[in-house]
Amino acid sequence: MNDQMNIFSESVPQYSVRLVRERPVDGPLIINPISATDAATEILQDYDREVFLALFLSTSGKLCGFNICHIGSLSESLVRIADVFKAAILSNAAAVIFAHNHPSGNPEPSKEDIAVTKRLVVAGDIIGIPVRDHVIITSRGESTSLAMRGYLVLD
């Protein structure tokens, strides 16, 4: 039995997680789709392909971090739910806002945008990190809030 444990511990990696915050959180207050769009635009403005972004909020609604979850192509960005929430969990986010850009310049959500938003809302509800919004931005300064369109309501 002891030899089996030795083989097991040498062949299977053990992982540990440690979060270290380097400085106090003092980001901007994200209270509505406009402030969420402003924060996302600042991060995504220079990308020429679709980028999926997660903005992490503290309990007071301040931006306490962000993660570029995926960089896609000119017309799509694949979103894996576990990857999107992994950084939110590690950052101890109280809530999350998702954003992505549409390099095409069209601010309208696609069927895929709506479907992934609904899956993200369900996942966030299950793990206790509510999704406050999902905004789509364009390089022309246009944006769409999926919360304002009613897509964040659990079925």
C-alpha atoms as a PDB file:
ATOM      1  CA  MET A   1       0.000   0.000   0.000  1.00  0.00           C
ATOM      2  CA  ASN A   2       2.828   2.374   0.839  1.00  0.00           C
ATOM      3  CA  ASP A   3       4.457   1.747  -2.556  1.00  0.00           C
ATOM      4  CA  GLN A   4       1.146   2.492  -4.293  1.00  0.00           C
ATOM      5  CA  MET A   5       0.834   5.830  -2.461  1.00  0.00           C
ATOM      6  CA  ASN A   6       4.387   6.718  -3.465  1.00  0.00           C
ATOM      7  CA  ILE A   7       3.660   5.966  -7.134  1.00  0.00           C
ATOM      8  CA  PHE A   8       0.397   7.884  -6.920  1.00  0.00           C
ATOM      9  CA  SER A   9       1.930  10.957  -5.313  1.00  0.00           C
ATOM     10  CA  GLU A  10       4.794  11.029  -7.815  1.00  0.00           C
ATOM     11  CA  SER A  11       2.685  10.543 -10.953  1.00  0.00           C
ATOM     12  CA  VAL A  12      -0.323  12.731 -10.155  1.00  0.00           C
ATOM     13  CA  PRO A  13       0.287  16.412  -9.473  1.00  0.00           C
ATOM     14  CA  GLN A  14      -1.166  18.015  -6.394  1.00  0.00           C
ATOM     15  CA  TYR A  15      -2.536  21.536  -6.819  1.00  0.00           C
ATOM     16  CA  SER A  16      -3.010  24.255  -4.268  1.00  0.00           C
ATOM     17  CA  VAL A  17      -4.496  27.703  -4.625  1.00  0.00           C
ATOM     18  CA  ARG A  18      -3.289  30.807  -2.863  1.00  0.00           C
ATOM     19  CA  LEU A  19      -4.610  34.289  -3.454  1.00  0.00           C
ATOM     20  CA  VAL A  20      -2.416  37.249  -2.674  1.00  0.00           C
ATOM     21  CA  ARG A  21      -3.800  40.732  -3.114  1.00  0.00           C
ATOM     22  CA  GLU A  22      -0.928  43.118  -3.724  1.00  0.00           C
ATOM     23  CA  ARG A  23      -2.792  46.302  -2.809  1.00  0.00           C
ATOM     24  CA  PRO A  24      -6.226  47.441  -1.583  1.00  0.00           C
ATOM     25  CA  VAL A  25      -9.063  47.520  -4.090  1.00  0.00           C
ATOM     26  CA  ASP A  26      -9.917  51.039  -5.160  1.00  0.00           C
ATOM     27  CA  GLY A  27     -11.296  50.661  -8.660  1.00  0.00           C
ATOM     28  CA  PRO A  28     -14.117  52.665 -10.179  1.00  0.00           C
ATOM     29  CA  LEU A  29     -17.682  52.081  -9.067  1.00  0.00           C
ATOM     30  CA  ILE A  30     -19.601  50.070 -11.677  1.00  0.00           C
ATOM     31  CA  ILE A  31     -23.264  50.889 -11.074  1.00  0.00           C
ATOM     32  CA  ASN A  32     -24.960  50.726 -14.475  1.00  0.00           C
ATOM     33  CA  PRO A  33     -24.456  49.680 -18.100  1.00  0.00           C
ATOM     34  CA  ILE A  34     -22.764  52.990 -18.897  1.00  0.00           C
ATOM     35  CA  SER A  35     -20.028  52.572 -16.277  1.00  0.00           C
ATOM     36  CA  ALA A  36     -19.622  48.893 -17.248  1.00  0.00           C
ATOM     37  CA  THR A  37     -19.280  49.890 -20.904  1.00  0.00           C
ATOM     38  CA  ASP A  38     -16.742  52.592 -20.035  1.00  0.00           C
ATOM     39  CA  ALA A  39     -14.563  50.106 -18.110  1.00  0.00           C
ATOM     40  CA  ALA A  40     -14.828  47.423 -20.817  1.00  0.00           C
ATOM     41  CA  THR A  41     -14.110  49.902 -23.608  1.00  0.00           C
ATOM     42  CA  GLU A  42     -10.931  51.061 -21.901  1.00  0.00           C
ATOM     43  CA  ILE A  43      -9.674  47.463 -21.782  1.00  0.00           C
ATOM     44  CA  LEU A  44     -10.917  46.267 -25.188  1.00  0.00           C
ATOM     45  CA  GLN A  45     -10.485  49.345 -27.375  1.00  0.00           C
ATOM     46  CA  ASP A  46      -7.335  48.215 -29.187  1.00  0.00           C
ATOM     47  CA  TYR A  47      -8.383  44.674 -30.134  1.00  0.00           C
ATOM     48  CA  ASP A  48      -9.172  43.880 -33.774  1.00  0.00           C
ATOM     49  CA  ARG A  49     -10.849  40.546 -32.991  1.00  0.00           C
ATOM     50  CA  GLU A  50     -13.498  39.407 -30.545  1.00  0.00           C
ATOM     51  CA  VAL A  51     -12.327  39.394 -26.958  1.00  0.00           C
ATOM     52  CA  PHE A  52     -14.397  38.066 -24.055  1.00  0.00           C
ATOM     53  CA  LEU A  53     -13.804  39.924 -20.801  1.00  0.00           C
ATOM     54  CA  ALA A  54     -14.905  39.440 -17.205  1.00  0.00           C
ATOM     55  CA  LEU A  55     -15.030  42.434 -14.865  1.00  0.00           C
ATOM     56  CA  PHE A  56     -14.925  41.499 -11.180  1.00  0.00           C
ATOM     57  CA  LEU A  57     -16.877  43.555  -8.663  1.00  0.00           C
ATOM     58  CA  SER A  58     -16.408  43.878  -4.916  1.00  0.00           C
ATOM     59  CA  THR A  59     -19.332  43.802  -2.499  1.00  0.00           C
ATOM     60  CA  SER A  60     -19.492  47.600  -2.779  1.00  0.00           C
ATOM     61  CA  GLY A  61     -19.677  47.438  -6.587  1.00  0.00           C
ATOM     62  CA  LYS A  62     -16.135  48.623  -7.222  1.00  0.00           C
ATOM     63  CA  LEU A  63     -14.091  47.096 -10.007  1.00  0.00           C
ATOM     64  CA  CYS A  64     -11.646  44.843  -8.177  1.00  0.00           C
ATOM     65  CA  GLY A  65     -10.115  43.073 -11.162  1.00  0.00           C
ATOM     66  CA  PHE A  66     -10.655  41.757 -14.649  1.00  0.00           C
ATOM     67  CA  ASN A  67      -9.738  38.800 -16.807  1.00  0.00           C
ATOM     68  CA  ILE A  68      -9.454  38.504 -20.565  1.00  0.00           C
ATOM     69  CA  CYS A  69     -11.077  35.087 -20.803  1.00  0.00           C
ATOM     70  CA  HIS A  70     -10.671  34.463 -24.495  1.00  0.00           C
ATOM     71  CA  ILE A  71      -9.370  36.092 -27.639  1.00  0.00           C
ATOM     72  CA  GLY A  72     -11.209  34.831 -30.681  1.00  0.00           C
ATOM     73  CA  SER A  73     -11.455  35.593 -34.364  1.00  0.00           C
ATOM     74  CA  LEU A  74     -12.959  38.506 -36.242  1.00  0.00           C
ATOM     75  CA  SER A  75     -16.454  37.135 -35.760  1.00  0.00           C
ATOM     76  CA  GLU A  76     -16.506  34.892 -32.696  1.00  0.00           C
ATOM     77  CA  SER A  77     -15.028  34.125 -29.320  1.00  0.00           C
ATOM     78  CA  LEU A  78     -15.508  30.741 -27.709  1.00  0.00           C
ATOM     79  CA  VAL A  79     -16.563  30.854 -24.086  1.00  0.00           C
ATOM     80  CA  ARG A  80     -16.062  27.967 -21.693  1.00  0.00           C
ATOM     81  CA  ILE A  81     -18.120  28.614 -18.562  1.00  0.00           C
ATOM     82  CA  ALA A  82     -15.572  27.087 -16.158  1.00  0.00           C
ATOM     83  CA  ASP A  83     -12.753  29.226 -17.546  1.00  0.00           C
ATOM     84  CA  VAL A  84     -14.827  32.378 -17.280  1.00  0.00           C
ATOM     85  CA  PHE A  85     -15.679  31.852 -13.614  1.00  0.00           C
ATOM     86  CA  LYS A  86     -12.301  30.426 -12.546  1.00  0.00           C
ATOM     87  CA  ALA A  87     -10.660  33.839 -12.247  1.00  0.00           C
ATOM     88  CA  ALA A  88     -13.789  35.326 -10.638  1.00  0.00           C
ATOM     89  CA  ILE A  89     -13.651  32.693  -7.923  1.00  0.00           C
ATOM     90  CA  LEU A  90      -9.916  33.161  -7.393  1.00  0.00           C
ATOM     91  CA  SER A  91     -10.303  36.937  -7.157  1.00  0.00           C
ATOM     92  CA  ASN A  92     -13.070  36.577  -4.565  1.00  0.00           C
ATOM     93  CA  ALA A  93     -15.484  38.539  -6.753  1.00  0.00           C
ATOM     94  CA  ALA A  94     -18.882  39.332  -5.266  1.00  0.00           C
ATOM     95  CA  ALA A  95     -20.387  39.773  -8.743  1.00  0.00           C
ATOM     96  CA  VAL A  96     -19.261  39.815 -12.353  1.00  0.00           C
ATOM     97  CA  ILE A  97     -20.009  41.741 -15.510  1.00  0.00           C
ATOM     98  CA  PHE A  98     -19.102  40.212 -18.836  1.00  0.00           C
ATOM     99  CA  ALA A  99     -18.236  42.160 -21.947  1.00  0.00           C
ATOM    100  CA  HIS A 100     -17.036  41.497 -25.424  1.00  0.00           C
ATOM    101  CA  ASN A 101     -16.423  43.526 -28.501  1.00  0.00           C
ATOM    102  CA  HIS A 102     -17.886  43.214 -31.963  1.00  0.00           C
ATOM    103  CA  PRO A 103     -15.162  44.235 -34.437  1.00  0.00           C
ATOM    104  CA  SER A 104     -17.837  44.241 -37.158  1.00  0.00           C
ATOM    105  CA  GLY A 105     -19.236  47.423 -35.606  1.00  0.00           C
ATOM    106  CA  ASN A 106     -22.682  45.892 -35.074  1.00  0.00           C
ATOM    107  CA  PRO A 107     -23.738  46.271 -31.402  1.00  0.00           C
ATOM    108  CA  GLU A 108     -26.637  43.813 -31.710  1.00  0.00           C
ATOM    109  CA  PRO A 109     -26.269  40.536 -29.788  1.00  0.00           C
ATOM    110  CA  SER A 110     -26.126  37.355 -31.851  1.00  0.00           C
ATOM    111  CA  LYS A 111     -28.109  34.226 -30.978  1.00  0.00           C
ATOM    112  CA  GLU A 112     -24.849  32.799 -29.593  1.00  0.00           C
ATOM    113  CA  ASP A 113     -24.301  35.914 -27.429  1.00  0.00           C
ATOM    114  CA  ILE A 114     -27.757  35.526 -25.923  1.00  0.00           C
ATOM    115  CA  ALA A 115     -27.362  31.774 -25.385  1.00  0.00           C
ATOM    116  CA  VAL A 116     -23.980  32.078 -23.641  1.00  0.00           C
ATOM    117  CA  THR A 117     -25.292  34.927 -21.492  1.00  0.00           C
ATOM    118  CA  LYS A 118     -28.155  32.761 -20.265  1.00  0.00           C
ATOM    119  CA  ARG A 119     -25.730  29.915 -19.465  1.00  0.00           C
ATOM    120  CA  LEU A 120     -23.430  32.335 -17.602  1.00  0.00           C
ATOM    121  CA  VAL A 121     -26.339  33.677 -15.547  1.00  0.00           C
ATOM    122  CA  VAL A 122     -27.370  30.147 -14.520  1.00  0.00           C
ATOM    123  CA  ALA A 123     -23.788  29.180 -13.646  1.00  0.00           C
ATOM    124  CA  GLY A 124     -23.270  32.379 -11.656  1.00  0.00           C
ATOM    125  CA  ASP A 125     -26.467  31.752  -9.740  1.00  0.00           C
ATOM    126  CA  ILE A 126     -25.354  28.212  -8.882  1.00  0.00           C
ATOM    127  CA  ILE A 127     -21.922  29.239  -7.589  1.00  0.00           C
ATOM    128  CA  GLY A 128     -23.066  32.426  -5.869  1.00  0.00           C
ATOM    129  CA  ILE A 129     -21.413  34.997  -8.131  1.00  0.00           C
ATOM    130  CA  PRO A 130     -24.267  36.884  -9.782  1.00  0.00           C
ATOM    131  CA  VAL A 131     -23.925  38.167 -13.324  1.00  0.00           C
ATOM    132  CA  ARG A 132     -24.874  41.863 -13.281  1.00  0.00           C
ATOM    133  CA  ASP A 133     -24.636  42.471 -17.025  1.00  0.00           C
ATOM    134  CA  HIS A 134     -23.109  41.433 -20.322  1.00  0.00           C
ATOM    135  CA  VAL A 135     -22.256  44.356 -22.558  1.00  0.00           C
ATOM    136  CA  ILE A 136     -21.297  44.346 -26.204  1.00  0.00           C
ATOM    137  CA  ILE A 137     -19.144  47.213 -27.407  1.00  0.00           C
ATOM    138  CA  THR A 138     -17.994  48.382 -30.812  1.00  0.00           C
ATOM    139  CA  SER A 139     -15.047  50.467 -31.958  1.00  0.00           C
ATOM    140  CA  ARG A 140     -17.534  53.161 -33.001  1.00  0.00           C
ATOM    141  CA  GLY A 141     -18.551  53.726 -29.383  1.00  0.00           C
ATOM    142  CA  GLU A 142     -21.870  51.912 -29.635  1.00  0.00           C
ATOM    143  CA  SER A 143     -22.896  49.367 -27.020  1.00  0.00           C
ATOM    144  CA  THR A 144     -25.677  47.035 -25.978  1.00  0.00           C
ATOM    145  CA  SER A 145     -26.519  45.915 -22.451  1.00  0.00           C
ATOM    146  CA  LEU A 146     -28.030  42.447 -22.337  1.00  0.00           C
ATOM    147  CA  ALA A 147     -29.338  43.217 -18.839  1.00  0.00           C
ATOM    148  CA  MET A 148     -31.297  46.166 -20.228  1.00  0.00           C
ATOM    149  CA  ARG A 149     -32.695  43.862 -22.890  1.00  0.00           C
ATOM    150  CA  GLY A 150     -33.925  41.404 -20.227  1.00  0.00           C
ATOM    151  CA  TYR A 151     -31.573  38.504 -20.998  1.00  0.00           C
ATOM    152  CA  LEU A 152     -30.246  38.154 -17.422  1.00  0.00           C
ATOM    153  CA  VAL A 153     -33.515  36.911 -15.962  1.00  0.00           C
ATOM    154  CA  LEU A 154     -33.382  33.290 -14.791  1.00  0.00           C
ATOM    155  CA  ASP A 155     -36.005  31.091 -16.436  1.00  0.00           C
END
